[in-house]
C-alpha cells in the first residue's frame, strides 16, 4: 500500500472554453483553466481577495463531456491529482508546469447539477471503500 496521497478538490469557474484535441492514438484530451478565490479582511478591516488559476487536463470520455457542456464562466467541482511536467521554451530555457489531471467532475451551473464520474471507469479503491450510499440509506 502506498504511503502517500496526491488528491486535489477544487470548486471554481472556468477561465475559458475547454480546448479539446485528440492524441495520435485517438484519445480525447481537454485543457482549460479554473479560477478559485479566497477573501478575507486585512488588519485594517479592508476586504481583500486573492484568485489562483489552475491548469486543468481531462482525458477520454470526460474530456468529451467537458467540451460539450462546459464553457467560459461555468462553475464546476473538479477532483483529481496534481502533476508536473517540464518543457523547453523558445529560448531553450526549461520551464515547469503544474496541472490538475481531473478524473471526477460535477457541473454546478445547471438547476440539477450533473455528476460525470460515470464517464470514467470506477476507481477500484473507491469501490473497495464502499462508494456512495444510495439516497434511501441516508439518515436525513
N, C-alpha and C. Protein backbone atom coordinates (compact mmCIF):
# COMPACT_ATOMS: atom_id res chain seq x y z
N UNK A 1 0.83 -1.17 0.00
CA UNK A 1 0.00 0.00 0.00
C UNK A 1 0.88 1.24 0.00
N UNK A 2 0.48 2.22 -0.79
CA UNK A 2 1.22 3.47 -0.89
C UNK A 2 1.09 4.28 0.40
N UNK A 3 2.14 4.96 0.77
CA UNK A 3 2.13 5.79 1.98
C UNK A 3 2.06 7.27 1.63
N UNK A 4 1.49 7.58 0.47
CA UNK A 4 1.35 8.98 0.08
C UNK A 4 -0.02 9.19 -0.58
N UNK A 5 -0.39 10.43 -0.73
CA UNK A 5 -1.67 10.77 -1.31
C UNK A 5 -1.51 11.99 -2.18
N UNK A 6 -1.99 11.93 -3.39
CA UNK A 6 -1.97 13.05 -4.33
C UNK A 6 -3.40 13.24 -4.79
N UNK A 7 -4.18 14.06 -4.09
CA UNK A 7 -5.59 14.26 -4.39
C UNK A 7 -5.91 15.75 -4.27
N UNK A 8 -6.60 16.29 -5.25
CA UNK A 8 -6.96 17.70 -5.30
C UNK A 8 -8.46 17.82 -5.49
N UNK A 9 -9.09 18.75 -4.77
CA UNK A 9 -10.51 19.06 -4.93
C UNK A 9 -10.62 20.57 -5.12
N UNK A 10 -11.31 21.00 -6.18
CA UNK A 10 -11.48 22.41 -6.46
C UNK A 10 -12.94 22.71 -6.79
N UNK A 11 -13.42 23.86 -6.38
CA UNK A 11 -14.67 24.41 -6.89
C UNK A 11 -14.30 25.78 -7.42
N UNK A 12 -14.56 26.00 -8.70
CA UNK A 12 -14.18 27.26 -9.30
C UNK A 12 -14.88 27.51 -10.62
N UNK A 13 -14.42 28.54 -11.30
CA UNK A 13 -15.02 28.99 -12.56
C UNK A 13 -14.02 28.84 -13.69
N UNK A 14 -14.49 28.33 -14.84
CA UNK A 14 -13.63 28.17 -15.99
C UNK A 14 -13.20 29.52 -16.53
N UNK A 15 -11.92 29.65 -16.84
CA UNK A 15 -11.37 30.88 -17.38
C UNK A 15 -11.53 31.00 -18.88
N UNK A 16 -11.76 29.89 -19.56
CA UNK A 16 -12.01 29.89 -21.00
C UNK A 16 -12.72 28.60 -21.37
N UNK A 17 -13.24 28.55 -22.59
CA UNK A 17 -13.86 27.32 -23.07
C UNK A 17 -12.81 26.22 -23.11
N UNK A 18 -13.20 24.98 -22.81
CA UNK A 18 -12.24 23.87 -22.91
C UNK A 18 -11.70 23.74 -24.34
N UNK A 19 -10.41 23.53 -24.45
CA UNK A 19 -9.77 23.28 -25.74
C UNK A 19 -9.59 21.76 -25.85
N UNK A 20 -10.22 21.16 -26.84
CA UNK A 20 -10.20 19.70 -26.97
C UNK A 20 -9.42 19.31 -28.21
N UNK A 21 -8.63 18.26 -28.08
CA UNK A 21 -7.90 17.70 -29.21
C UNK A 21 -7.78 16.20 -28.99
N UNK A 22 -7.26 15.50 -29.97
CA UNK A 22 -7.05 14.06 -29.85
C UNK A 22 -5.58 13.75 -30.00
N UNK A 23 -5.12 12.75 -29.26
CA UNK A 23 -3.74 12.29 -29.41
C UNK A 23 -3.62 11.53 -30.72
N UNK A 24 -2.42 11.16 -31.10
CA UNK A 24 -2.22 10.38 -32.33
C UNK A 24 -2.98 9.07 -32.30
N UNK A 25 -3.21 8.52 -31.11
CA UNK A 25 -3.93 7.25 -30.99
C UNK A 25 -5.44 7.46 -30.90
N UNK A 26 -5.91 8.72 -30.96
CA UNK A 26 -7.34 9.00 -30.96
C UNK A 26 -7.95 9.26 -29.59
N UNK A 27 -7.14 9.39 -28.56
CA UNK A 27 -7.65 9.65 -27.21
C UNK A 27 -7.94 11.14 -27.06
N UNK A 28 -9.16 11.47 -26.60
CA UNK A 28 -9.54 12.87 -26.41
C UNK A 28 -8.89 13.43 -25.16
N UNK A 29 -8.46 14.70 -25.25
CA UNK A 29 -7.90 15.41 -24.11
C UNK A 29 -8.41 16.85 -24.17
N UNK A 30 -8.88 17.36 -23.04
CA UNK A 30 -9.35 18.73 -22.94
C UNK A 30 -8.49 19.47 -21.93
N UNK A 31 -8.21 20.74 -22.23
CA UNK A 31 -7.44 21.58 -21.31
C UNK A 31 -8.18 22.90 -21.13
N UNK A 32 -8.11 23.43 -19.92
CA UNK A 32 -8.69 24.74 -19.62
C UNK A 32 -8.15 25.18 -18.27
N UNK A 33 -8.45 26.42 -17.91
CA UNK A 33 -8.04 26.91 -16.59
C UNK A 33 -9.26 27.13 -15.73
N UNK A 34 -9.05 27.03 -14.42
CA UNK A 34 -10.12 27.26 -13.45
C UNK A 34 -9.59 28.24 -12.41
N UNK A 35 -10.44 29.21 -12.07
CA UNK A 35 -10.09 30.19 -11.04
C UNK A 35 -10.77 29.83 -9.73
N UNK A 36 -10.01 29.87 -8.65
CA UNK A 36 -10.56 29.75 -7.30
C UNK A 36 -10.15 31.01 -6.55
N UNK A 37 -11.03 31.49 -5.68
CA UNK A 37 -10.75 32.72 -4.96
C UNK A 37 -10.98 32.55 -3.47
N UNK A 38 -10.22 33.29 -2.70
CA UNK A 38 -10.46 33.36 -1.26
C UNK A 38 -10.53 34.83 -0.90
N UNK A 39 -11.35 35.13 0.10
CA UNK A 39 -11.47 36.52 0.54
C UNK A 39 -11.33 36.60 2.06
N UNK A 40 -10.86 37.73 2.53
CA UNK A 40 -10.64 37.93 3.95
C UNK A 40 -10.58 39.44 4.21
N UNK A 41 -10.57 39.81 5.47
CA UNK A 41 -10.38 41.21 5.86
C UNK A 41 -8.97 41.36 6.42
N UNK A 42 -8.28 42.38 5.97
CA UNK A 42 -6.93 42.61 6.46
C UNK A 42 -6.97 43.24 7.85
N UNK A 43 -5.82 43.53 8.41
CA UNK A 43 -5.73 44.07 9.76
C UNK A 43 -6.46 45.39 9.94
N UNK A 44 -6.67 46.12 8.86
CA UNK A 44 -7.38 47.40 8.93
C UNK A 44 -8.86 47.26 8.62
N UNK A 45 -9.33 46.01 8.42
CA UNK A 45 -10.74 45.78 8.15
C UNK A 45 -11.14 45.91 6.69
N UNK A 46 -10.16 46.06 5.80
CA UNK A 46 -10.46 46.19 4.37
C UNK A 46 -10.63 44.81 3.75
N UNK A 47 -11.61 44.68 2.89
CA UNK A 47 -11.86 43.41 2.20
C UNK A 47 -10.72 43.16 1.21
N UNK A 48 -10.20 41.95 1.23
CA UNK A 48 -9.14 41.52 0.32
C UNK A 48 -9.58 40.26 -0.40
N UNK A 49 -9.05 40.04 -1.59
CA UNK A 49 -9.38 38.82 -2.33
C UNK A 49 -8.15 38.40 -3.14
N UNK A 50 -7.95 37.09 -3.20
CA UNK A 50 -6.85 36.54 -3.99
C UNK A 50 -7.41 35.42 -4.85
N UNK A 51 -7.06 35.46 -6.13
CA UNK A 51 -7.51 34.44 -7.07
C UNK A 51 -6.32 33.61 -7.51
N UNK A 52 -6.49 32.30 -7.49
CA UNK A 52 -5.49 31.36 -8.01
C UNK A 52 -6.02 30.76 -9.30
N UNK A 53 -5.15 30.60 -10.28
CA UNK A 53 -5.53 29.97 -11.55
C UNK A 53 -4.89 28.59 -11.61
N UNK A 54 -5.68 27.59 -11.97
CA UNK A 54 -5.24 26.20 -12.02
C UNK A 54 -5.35 25.70 -13.46
N UNK A 55 -4.29 25.06 -13.94
CA UNK A 55 -4.32 24.43 -15.27
C UNK A 55 -4.95 23.05 -15.13
N UNK A 56 -5.97 22.79 -15.94
CA UNK A 56 -6.75 21.55 -15.85
C UNK A 56 -6.53 20.72 -17.10
N UNK A 57 -6.38 19.40 -16.92
CA UNK A 57 -6.28 18.44 -18.02
C UNK A 57 -7.28 17.33 -17.76
N UNK A 58 -8.08 17.02 -18.77
CA UNK A 58 -9.10 15.98 -18.65
C UNK A 58 -8.95 15.04 -19.85
N UNK A 59 -9.05 13.74 -19.61
CA UNK A 59 -8.81 12.74 -20.65
C UNK A 59 -10.07 11.94 -20.99
N UNK A 60 -10.06 11.32 -22.15
CA UNK A 60 -11.03 10.32 -22.63
C UNK A 60 -12.45 10.86 -22.68
N UNK A 61 -13.40 10.05 -22.25
CA UNK A 61 -14.82 10.41 -22.34
C UNK A 61 -15.13 11.66 -21.54
N UNK A 62 -14.49 11.83 -20.39
CA UNK A 62 -14.73 13.01 -19.57
C UNK A 62 -14.29 14.28 -20.30
N UNK A 63 -13.26 14.20 -21.13
CA UNK A 63 -12.83 15.34 -21.94
C UNK A 63 -13.92 15.72 -22.94
N UNK A 64 -14.55 14.72 -23.53
CA UNK A 64 -15.65 14.97 -24.47
C UNK A 64 -16.83 15.63 -23.76
N UNK A 65 -17.12 15.19 -22.54
CA UNK A 65 -18.20 15.79 -21.74
C UNK A 65 -17.88 17.26 -21.47
N UNK A 66 -16.65 17.55 -21.10
CA UNK A 66 -16.24 18.93 -20.83
C UNK A 66 -16.44 19.80 -22.08
N UNK A 67 -16.01 19.30 -23.22
CA UNK A 67 -16.13 20.06 -24.47
C UNK A 67 -17.59 20.33 -24.81
N UNK A 68 -18.45 19.39 -24.52
CA UNK A 68 -19.85 19.52 -24.88
C UNK A 68 -20.61 20.45 -23.93
N UNK A 69 -20.33 20.39 -22.62
CA UNK A 69 -21.18 21.06 -21.65
C UNK A 69 -20.57 22.26 -20.92
N UNK A 70 -19.25 22.36 -20.89
CA UNK A 70 -18.63 23.46 -20.14
C UNK A 70 -18.24 24.60 -21.07
N UNK A 71 -18.24 25.80 -20.53
CA UNK A 71 -17.81 26.97 -21.28
C UNK A 71 -17.20 27.98 -20.31
N UNK A 72 -16.60 29.01 -20.85
CA UNK A 72 -16.01 30.05 -20.02
C UNK A 72 -17.06 30.55 -19.02
N UNK A 73 -16.67 30.63 -17.75
CA UNK A 73 -17.57 31.09 -16.71
C UNK A 73 -18.35 29.99 -16.02
N UNK A 74 -18.34 28.77 -16.57
CA UNK A 74 -19.04 27.65 -15.92
C UNK A 74 -18.45 27.40 -14.55
N UNK A 75 -19.32 27.06 -13.60
CA UNK A 75 -18.87 26.72 -12.25
C UNK A 75 -18.84 25.20 -12.13
N UNK A 76 -17.76 24.67 -11.59
CA UNK A 76 -17.61 23.21 -11.53
C UNK A 76 -16.82 22.78 -10.31
N UNK A 77 -17.12 21.55 -9.86
CA UNK A 77 -16.33 20.86 -8.85
C UNK A 77 -15.44 19.90 -9.63
N UNK A 78 -14.15 19.96 -9.37
CA UNK A 78 -13.17 19.12 -10.06
C UNK A 78 -12.38 18.34 -9.03
N UNK A 79 -12.14 17.08 -9.32
CA UNK A 79 -11.36 16.25 -8.42
C UNK A 79 -10.34 15.47 -9.25
N UNK A 80 -9.12 15.40 -8.74
CA UNK A 80 -8.09 14.67 -9.47
C UNK A 80 -6.77 14.70 -8.71
N UNK A 81 -5.68 14.72 -9.48
CA UNK A 81 -4.34 14.70 -8.89
C UNK A 81 -3.50 15.79 -9.51
N UNK A 82 -2.51 16.27 -8.80
CA UNK A 82 -1.61 17.29 -9.34
C UNK A 82 -0.44 16.59 -10.01
N UNK A 83 -0.04 17.15 -11.13
CA UNK A 83 1.04 16.55 -11.93
C UNK A 83 1.94 17.67 -12.44
N UNK A 84 3.21 17.42 -12.47
CA UNK A 84 4.14 18.40 -13.04
C UNK A 84 4.76 17.83 -14.31
N UNK A 85 5.13 18.74 -15.18
CA UNK A 85 5.87 18.36 -16.39
C UNK A 85 6.76 19.52 -16.77
N UNK A 86 7.76 19.25 -17.57
CA UNK A 86 8.67 20.30 -18.00
C UNK A 86 8.76 20.32 -19.52
N UNK A 87 9.16 21.47 -20.04
CA UNK A 87 9.38 21.64 -21.47
C UNK A 87 10.40 22.74 -21.66
N UNK A 88 10.99 22.79 -22.84
CA UNK A 88 11.94 23.86 -23.17
C UNK A 88 11.20 24.93 -23.96
N UNK A 89 11.30 26.20 -23.53
CA UNK A 89 10.63 27.29 -24.24
C UNK A 89 11.41 27.64 -25.50
N UNK A 90 10.97 28.69 -26.20
CA UNK A 90 11.58 29.11 -27.47
C UNK A 90 13.07 29.39 -27.35
N UNK A 91 13.49 29.85 -26.17
CA UNK A 91 14.89 30.21 -25.94
C UNK A 91 15.70 29.06 -25.36
N UNK A 92 15.10 27.88 -25.27
CA UNK A 92 15.81 26.74 -24.73
C UNK A 92 15.84 26.68 -23.22
N UNK A 93 15.06 27.53 -22.55
CA UNK A 93 15.01 27.54 -21.09
C UNK A 93 13.98 26.52 -20.63
N UNK A 94 14.39 25.67 -19.69
CA UNK A 94 13.48 24.65 -19.17
C UNK A 94 12.42 25.32 -18.30
N UNK A 95 11.15 25.02 -18.60
CA UNK A 95 10.01 25.56 -17.85
C UNK A 95 9.25 24.40 -17.22
N UNK A 96 8.64 24.67 -16.08
CA UNK A 96 7.86 23.66 -15.37
C UNK A 96 6.41 24.10 -15.29
N UNK A 97 5.51 23.15 -15.47
CA UNK A 97 4.08 23.41 -15.44
C UNK A 97 3.46 22.44 -14.45
N UNK A 98 2.53 22.95 -13.65
CA UNK A 98 1.77 22.11 -12.73
C UNK A 98 0.32 22.09 -13.20
N UNK A 99 -0.24 20.88 -13.31
CA UNK A 99 -1.59 20.72 -13.83
C UNK A 99 -2.39 19.82 -12.89
N UNK A 100 -3.69 19.99 -12.92
CA UNK A 100 -4.60 19.11 -12.21
C UNK A 100 -5.18 18.17 -13.25
N UNK A 101 -4.90 16.88 -13.11
CA UNK A 101 -5.45 15.86 -14.01
C UNK A 101 -6.75 15.37 -13.36
N UNK A 102 -7.86 15.74 -13.98
CA UNK A 102 -9.18 15.53 -13.40
C UNK A 102 -9.73 14.16 -13.76
N UNK A 103 -10.31 13.47 -12.76
CA UNK A 103 -10.99 12.21 -13.02
C UNK A 103 -12.44 12.22 -12.53
N UNK A 104 -12.84 13.34 -11.91
CA UNK A 104 -14.24 13.48 -11.47
C UNK A 104 -14.65 14.94 -11.63
N UNK A 105 -15.85 15.14 -12.16
CA UNK A 105 -16.34 16.48 -12.44
C UNK A 105 -17.81 16.57 -12.09
N UNK A 106 -18.19 17.63 -11.40
CA UNK A 106 -19.59 17.94 -11.15
C UNK A 106 -19.84 19.32 -11.73
N UNK A 107 -20.79 19.42 -12.65
CA UNK A 107 -21.17 20.71 -13.22
C UNK A 107 -22.15 21.36 -12.25
N UNK A 108 -21.84 22.56 -11.79
CA UNK A 108 -22.62 23.19 -10.73
C UNK A 108 -23.55 24.30 -11.23
N UNK A 109 -23.57 24.59 -12.52
CA UNK A 109 -24.38 25.69 -13.04
C UNK A 109 -25.84 25.35 -13.25
N UNK A 110 -26.13 24.13 -13.64
CA UNK A 110 -27.50 23.80 -14.01
C UNK A 110 -28.39 23.70 -12.78
N UNK A 111 -29.71 23.71 -13.01
CA UNK A 111 -30.67 23.58 -11.91
C UNK A 111 -30.42 22.29 -11.16
N UNK A 112 -30.11 21.26 -11.89
CA UNK A 112 -29.80 19.96 -11.29
C UNK A 112 -28.37 19.64 -11.67
N UNK A 113 -27.43 19.73 -10.74
CA UNK A 113 -26.03 19.50 -11.09
C UNK A 113 -25.84 18.07 -11.58
N UNK A 114 -24.90 17.92 -12.49
CA UNK A 114 -24.66 16.64 -13.14
C UNK A 114 -23.34 16.07 -12.66
N UNK A 115 -23.36 14.84 -12.15
CA UNK A 115 -22.15 14.15 -11.73
C UNK A 115 -21.67 13.33 -12.91
N UNK A 116 -20.50 13.66 -13.43
CA UNK A 116 -19.98 12.96 -14.60
C UNK A 116 -18.98 11.88 -14.23
N UNK A 117 -18.93 11.49 -12.98
CA UNK A 117 -17.95 10.47 -12.59
C UNK A 117 -18.23 9.14 -13.28
N UNK A 118 -19.47 8.93 -13.78
CA UNK A 118 -19.78 7.70 -14.52
C UNK A 118 -19.13 7.69 -15.89
N UNK A 119 -18.62 8.83 -16.35
CA UNK A 119 -17.96 8.88 -17.64
C UNK A 119 -16.62 8.18 -17.60
N UNK A 120 -16.11 7.95 -16.40
CA UNK A 120 -14.83 7.26 -16.24
C UNK A 120 -15.09 5.92 -15.58
N UNK A 121 -14.30 4.90 -15.87
CA UNK A 121 -14.44 3.64 -15.15
C UNK A 121 -14.25 3.88 -13.66
N UNK A 122 -14.96 3.14 -12.85
CA UNK A 122 -14.88 3.34 -11.41
C UNK A 122 -13.49 3.01 -10.90
N UNK A 123 -13.03 3.85 -9.99
CA UNK A 123 -11.74 3.66 -9.34
C UNK A 123 -11.87 2.48 -8.38
N UNK A 124 -11.09 1.43 -8.56
CA UNK A 124 -11.21 0.26 -7.69
C UNK A 124 -11.04 0.60 -6.21
N UNK A 125 -10.22 1.60 -5.88
CA UNK A 125 -10.02 1.95 -4.47
C UNK A 125 -11.29 2.54 -3.87
N UNK A 126 -12.10 3.22 -4.68
CA UNK A 126 -13.37 3.74 -4.19
C UNK A 126 -14.38 2.63 -4.01
N UNK A 127 -14.37 1.67 -4.93
CA UNK A 127 -15.31 0.56 -4.81
C UNK A 127 -15.04 -0.22 -3.53
N UNK A 128 -13.76 -0.39 -3.21
CA UNK A 128 -13.39 -1.12 -2.01
C UNK A 128 -13.81 -0.36 -0.75
N UNK A 129 -13.86 0.96 -0.86
CA UNK A 129 -14.24 1.78 0.30
C UNK A 129 -15.75 1.88 0.45
N UNK A 130 -16.47 1.26 -0.46
CA UNK A 130 -17.92 1.26 -0.33
C UNK A 130 -18.63 2.26 -1.22
N UNK A 131 -17.91 3.22 -1.79
CA UNK A 131 -18.54 4.19 -2.67
C UNK A 131 -19.58 5.02 -1.94
N UNK A 132 -20.48 5.62 -2.69
CA UNK A 132 -21.51 6.47 -2.09
C UNK A 132 -22.73 5.64 -1.72
N UNK A 133 -23.37 6.02 -0.63
CA UNK A 133 -24.57 5.32 -0.17
C UNK A 133 -25.76 5.73 -1.03
N UNK A 134 -26.68 4.79 -1.34
CA UNK A 134 -27.88 5.16 -2.06
C UNK A 134 -28.69 6.16 -1.23
N UNK A 135 -29.49 7.01 -1.91
CA UNK A 135 -30.24 8.04 -1.21
C UNK A 135 -31.19 7.44 -0.16
N UNK A 136 -31.71 6.23 -0.38
CA UNK A 136 -32.63 5.61 0.57
C UNK A 136 -31.96 5.27 1.89
N UNK A 137 -30.63 5.15 1.89
CA UNK A 137 -29.91 4.76 3.09
C UNK A 137 -29.42 5.95 3.91
N UNK A 138 -29.68 7.18 3.44
CA UNK A 138 -29.18 8.35 4.14
C UNK A 138 -30.05 8.59 5.38
N UNK A 139 -29.45 8.99 6.49
CA UNK A 139 -30.18 9.17 7.74
C UNK A 139 -30.98 10.45 7.83
N UNK A 140 -31.02 11.26 6.79
CA UNK A 140 -31.77 12.53 6.84
C UNK A 140 -32.63 12.70 5.62
